[in-house]
N, C-alpha and C. Protein backbone atom coordinates (compact mmCIF):
# COMPACT_ATOMS: atom_id res chain seq x y z
N MET A 1 -223.89 -12.68 -91.94
CA MET A 1 -224.15 -13.25 -90.65
C MET A 1 -223.10 -12.71 -89.67
N GLN A 2 -223.57 -12.23 -88.53
CA GLN A 2 -222.69 -11.70 -87.49
C GLN A 2 -222.40 -12.81 -86.49
N SER A 3 -221.28 -12.69 -85.81
CA SER A 3 -221.00 -13.61 -84.71
C SER A 3 -220.69 -12.80 -83.47
N ILE A 4 -221.02 -13.38 -82.31
CA ILE A 4 -220.86 -12.69 -81.04
C ILE A 4 -220.47 -13.71 -79.99
N THR A 5 -219.64 -13.32 -79.04
CA THR A 5 -219.24 -14.22 -77.96
C THR A 5 -220.24 -14.09 -76.81
N LEU A 6 -220.14 -15.03 -75.89
CA LEU A 6 -221.04 -14.98 -74.74
C LEU A 6 -220.84 -13.71 -73.93
N ARG A 7 -219.61 -13.25 -73.80
CA ARG A 7 -219.34 -12.04 -73.05
C ARG A 7 -219.94 -10.82 -73.74
N GLU A 8 -219.84 -10.78 -75.07
CA GLU A 8 -220.40 -9.65 -75.83
C GLU A 8 -221.93 -9.68 -75.86
N LEU A 9 -222.50 -10.81 -75.54
CA LEU A 9 -223.95 -10.95 -75.54
C LEU A 9 -224.61 -10.06 -74.50
N ARG A 10 -223.83 -9.58 -73.54
CA ARG A 10 -224.35 -8.67 -72.51
C ARG A 10 -224.78 -7.33 -73.10
N ASP A 11 -224.19 -6.96 -74.22
CA ASP A 11 -224.54 -5.69 -74.86
C ASP A 11 -225.85 -5.90 -75.62
N THR A 12 -226.96 -5.80 -74.90
CA THR A 12 -228.25 -6.12 -75.50
C THR A 12 -228.68 -5.11 -76.56
N ARG A 13 -228.20 -3.86 -76.46
CA ARG A 13 -228.59 -2.87 -77.47
C ARG A 13 -228.07 -3.27 -78.85
N LYS A 14 -226.84 -3.73 -78.91
CA LYS A 14 -226.26 -4.12 -80.20
C LYS A 14 -226.98 -5.36 -80.75
N VAL A 15 -227.24 -6.33 -79.88
CA VAL A 15 -227.91 -7.55 -80.32
C VAL A 15 -229.33 -7.23 -80.80
N LYS A 16 -230.04 -6.39 -80.05
CA LYS A 16 -231.40 -6.03 -80.44
C LYS A 16 -231.42 -5.29 -81.77
N ALA A 17 -230.46 -4.40 -81.97
CA ALA A 17 -230.40 -3.67 -83.24
C ALA A 17 -230.15 -4.62 -84.40
N TRP A 18 -229.26 -5.57 -84.21
CA TRP A 18 -228.99 -6.55 -85.28
C TRP A 18 -230.24 -7.38 -85.57
N LEU A 19 -230.94 -7.84 -84.52
CA LEU A 19 -232.13 -8.66 -84.75
C LEU A 19 -233.23 -7.88 -85.42
N LYS A 20 -233.41 -6.60 -85.04
CA LYS A 20 -234.42 -5.78 -85.69
C LYS A 20 -234.08 -5.54 -87.16
N ALA A 21 -232.78 -5.53 -87.48
CA ALA A 21 -232.36 -5.34 -88.87
C ALA A 21 -232.45 -6.64 -89.66
N GLY A 22 -232.79 -7.75 -88.99
CA GLY A 22 -232.95 -9.02 -89.69
C GLY A 22 -231.67 -9.81 -89.83
N VAL A 23 -230.69 -9.55 -88.97
CA VAL A 23 -229.39 -10.22 -89.06
C VAL A 23 -229.41 -11.50 -88.25
N HIS A 24 -228.93 -12.58 -88.85
CA HIS A 24 -228.76 -13.87 -88.18
C HIS A 24 -227.45 -13.78 -87.38
N ILE A 25 -227.48 -14.15 -86.08
CA ILE A 25 -226.31 -14.00 -85.22
C ILE A 25 -225.87 -15.37 -84.72
N GLU A 26 -224.55 -15.65 -84.86
CA GLU A 26 -223.97 -16.87 -84.29
C GLU A 26 -223.41 -16.55 -82.92
N VAL A 27 -223.73 -17.37 -81.93
CA VAL A 27 -223.18 -17.21 -80.59
C VAL A 27 -222.02 -18.18 -80.46
N ARG A 28 -220.85 -17.64 -80.07
CA ARG A 28 -219.64 -18.46 -80.00
C ARG A 28 -219.07 -18.47 -78.60
N GLU A 29 -218.47 -19.62 -78.27
CA GLU A 29 -217.65 -19.73 -77.07
C GLU A 29 -216.26 -20.11 -77.55
N ARG A 30 -215.36 -19.18 -77.38
CA ARG A 30 -214.04 -19.24 -77.99
C ARG A 30 -214.21 -19.31 -79.50
N LYS A 31 -213.86 -20.38 -80.16
CA LYS A 31 -214.01 -20.44 -81.62
C LYS A 31 -215.14 -21.35 -82.06
N GLU A 32 -215.82 -21.95 -81.11
CA GLU A 32 -216.87 -22.92 -81.43
C GLU A 32 -218.25 -22.26 -81.39
N VAL A 33 -219.04 -22.52 -82.42
CA VAL A 33 -220.41 -22.01 -82.46
C VAL A 33 -221.26 -22.87 -81.55
N ILE A 34 -221.93 -22.21 -80.57
CA ILE A 34 -222.77 -22.97 -79.63
C ILE A 34 -224.25 -22.67 -79.81
N GLY A 35 -224.57 -21.69 -80.62
CA GLY A 35 -225.98 -21.39 -80.82
C GLY A 35 -226.19 -20.32 -81.87
N ASP A 36 -227.45 -20.11 -82.21
CA ASP A 36 -227.82 -19.11 -83.19
C ASP A 36 -228.95 -18.25 -82.63
N LEU A 37 -228.92 -16.98 -82.96
CA LEU A 37 -230.04 -16.09 -82.69
C LEU A 37 -230.59 -15.68 -84.05
N VAL A 38 -231.85 -16.02 -84.26
CA VAL A 38 -232.48 -15.78 -85.55
C VAL A 38 -233.65 -14.83 -85.34
N PRO A 39 -233.75 -13.77 -86.13
CA PRO A 39 -234.89 -12.86 -85.98
C PRO A 39 -236.19 -13.57 -86.33
N ARG A 40 -237.26 -13.18 -85.68
CA ARG A 40 -238.56 -13.82 -85.93
C ARG A 40 -239.08 -13.55 -87.33
N THR A 41 -239.03 -12.31 -87.76
CA THR A 41 -239.50 -11.97 -89.10
C THR A 41 -238.41 -11.22 -89.82
N SER A 42 -238.43 -11.31 -91.11
CA SER A 42 -237.45 -10.56 -91.88
C SER A 42 -237.92 -9.12 -92.02
N PRO A 43 -237.00 -8.17 -92.19
CA PRO A 43 -237.43 -6.77 -92.30
C PRO A 43 -238.30 -6.52 -93.53
N SER A 44 -238.11 -7.31 -94.58
CA SER A 44 -238.92 -7.10 -95.78
C SER A 44 -240.37 -7.53 -95.56
N ALA A 45 -240.59 -8.52 -94.69
CA ALA A 45 -241.96 -8.97 -94.42
C ALA A 45 -242.74 -7.90 -93.66
N SER A 46 -242.07 -7.21 -92.73
CA SER A 46 -242.79 -6.17 -91.99
C SER A 46 -243.03 -4.95 -92.86
N ALA A 47 -242.20 -4.73 -93.88
CA ALA A 47 -242.40 -3.58 -94.77
C ALA A 47 -243.58 -3.81 -95.72
N LEU A 48 -243.98 -5.06 -95.91
CA LEU A 48 -245.07 -5.37 -96.84
C LEU A 48 -246.44 -5.28 -96.19
N LYS A 49 -246.50 -5.04 -94.88
CA LYS A 49 -247.80 -4.94 -94.23
C LYS A 49 -248.55 -3.72 -94.75
N LYS A 50 -249.85 -3.89 -94.96
CA LYS A 50 -250.66 -2.79 -95.43
C LYS A 50 -250.91 -1.81 -94.28
N PRO A 51 -250.94 -0.53 -94.57
CA PRO A 51 -251.23 0.43 -93.50
C PRO A 51 -252.68 0.27 -93.03
N VAL A 52 -252.91 0.55 -91.77
CA VAL A 52 -254.24 0.43 -91.20
C VAL A 52 -255.10 1.58 -91.70
N GLN A 53 -256.27 1.24 -92.21
CA GLN A 53 -257.17 2.27 -92.72
C GLN A 53 -258.09 2.71 -91.59
N MET A 54 -258.07 4.00 -91.30
CA MET A 54 -258.90 4.54 -90.23
C MET A 54 -260.35 4.62 -90.68
N PRO A 55 -261.29 4.42 -89.75
CA PRO A 55 -262.70 4.53 -90.12
C PRO A 55 -263.07 5.97 -90.46
N ASP A 56 -264.12 6.12 -91.23
CA ASP A 56 -264.60 7.44 -91.62
C ASP A 56 -265.50 7.96 -90.50
N PHE A 57 -264.91 8.74 -89.57
CA PHE A 57 -265.65 9.22 -88.42
C PHE A 57 -266.74 10.22 -88.80
N ALA A 58 -266.50 11.01 -89.83
CA ALA A 58 -267.51 11.97 -90.27
C ALA A 58 -268.75 11.25 -90.79
N ALA A 59 -268.55 10.17 -91.53
CA ALA A 59 -269.69 9.41 -92.05
C ALA A 59 -270.44 8.73 -90.90
N ARG A 60 -269.71 8.26 -89.92
CA ARG A 60 -270.35 7.64 -88.77
C ARG A 60 -271.17 8.66 -87.98
N ARG A 61 -270.62 9.88 -87.81
CA ARG A 61 -271.35 10.95 -87.12
C ARG A 61 -272.63 11.30 -87.88
N ARG A 62 -272.53 11.41 -89.22
CA ARG A 62 -273.72 11.73 -90.03
C ARG A 62 -274.76 10.62 -89.92
N ALA A 63 -274.33 9.37 -89.85
CA ALA A 63 -275.27 8.26 -89.73
C ALA A 63 -276.00 8.28 -88.39
N ILE A 64 -275.30 8.71 -87.34
CA ILE A 64 -275.92 8.73 -86.01
C ILE A 64 -276.77 9.98 -85.81
N PHE A 65 -276.23 11.16 -86.12
CA PHE A 65 -276.88 12.42 -85.78
C PHE A 65 -277.55 13.11 -86.97
N GLY A 66 -277.34 12.63 -88.16
CA GLY A 66 -277.94 13.27 -89.33
C GLY A 66 -277.28 14.61 -89.60
N ASP A 67 -278.10 15.62 -89.99
CA ASP A 67 -277.57 16.94 -90.32
C ASP A 67 -277.66 17.91 -89.15
N ARG A 68 -277.95 17.42 -87.96
CA ARG A 68 -278.03 18.32 -86.80
C ARG A 68 -276.68 18.95 -86.51
N VAL A 69 -276.70 20.20 -86.11
CA VAL A 69 -275.48 20.90 -85.73
C VAL A 69 -275.30 20.69 -84.24
N LEU A 70 -274.17 20.13 -83.88
CA LEU A 70 -273.91 19.83 -82.47
C LEU A 70 -273.16 20.99 -81.83
N THR A 71 -273.59 21.38 -80.64
CA THR A 71 -272.96 22.46 -79.91
C THR A 71 -271.71 21.92 -79.23
N PRO A 72 -270.58 22.60 -79.37
CA PRO A 72 -269.36 22.13 -78.69
C PRO A 72 -269.54 22.15 -77.18
N VAL A 73 -268.86 21.27 -76.49
CA VAL A 73 -268.96 21.14 -75.05
C VAL A 73 -268.50 22.42 -74.36
N ALA A 74 -267.50 23.09 -74.90
CA ALA A 74 -267.00 24.32 -74.29
C ALA A 74 -268.09 25.38 -74.24
N ASP A 75 -268.92 25.46 -75.27
CA ASP A 75 -270.03 26.43 -75.27
C ASP A 75 -271.06 26.07 -74.21
N LEU A 76 -271.35 24.80 -74.03
CA LEU A 76 -272.30 24.38 -73.01
C LEU A 76 -271.80 24.71 -71.61
N LEU A 77 -270.52 24.50 -71.38
CA LEU A 77 -269.95 24.81 -70.07
C LEU A 77 -269.95 26.31 -69.81
N ALA A 78 -269.67 27.11 -70.83
CA ALA A 78 -269.69 28.56 -70.66
C ALA A 78 -271.09 29.05 -70.35
N ASP A 79 -272.11 28.48 -71.00
CA ASP A 79 -273.49 28.87 -70.71
C ASP A 79 -273.88 28.48 -69.29
N ARG A 80 -273.40 27.35 -68.82
CA ARG A 80 -273.73 26.90 -67.48
C ARG A 80 -273.13 27.82 -66.42
N GLU A 81 -271.91 28.31 -66.66
CA GLU A 81 -271.26 29.22 -65.71
C GLU A 81 -271.96 30.59 -65.67
N ASN A 82 -272.50 31.04 -66.78
CA ASN A 82 -273.13 32.36 -66.84
C ASN A 82 -274.55 32.38 -66.30
N SER A 83 -275.20 31.25 -66.24
CA SER A 83 -276.60 31.24 -65.80
C SER A 83 -276.69 30.87 -64.33
N ARG A 84 -277.77 31.34 -63.71
CA ARG A 84 -278.03 31.00 -62.30
C ARG A 84 -279.12 29.96 -62.24
N TYR A 85 -279.04 29.11 -61.27
CA TYR A 85 -280.05 28.07 -61.14
C TYR A 85 -281.15 28.47 -60.23
């Protein structure tokens, strides 16, 4: 557990780093503890979150368009520039 004075509390970078690391901080005025800063979650709890699984975009495209070959947009724009209306 770390302790910090009210004057040192101005250094928000240090306090934020401690809280992100999961450190409980005592706030002191002279030698008396006047409060506590407690991190919301422990670092081990955030490490246990499962990674987000991305959807299978290729399967979704096949479900919508089937086996059709789609022309890239760049090719369509190039054809439009070369042709006259």
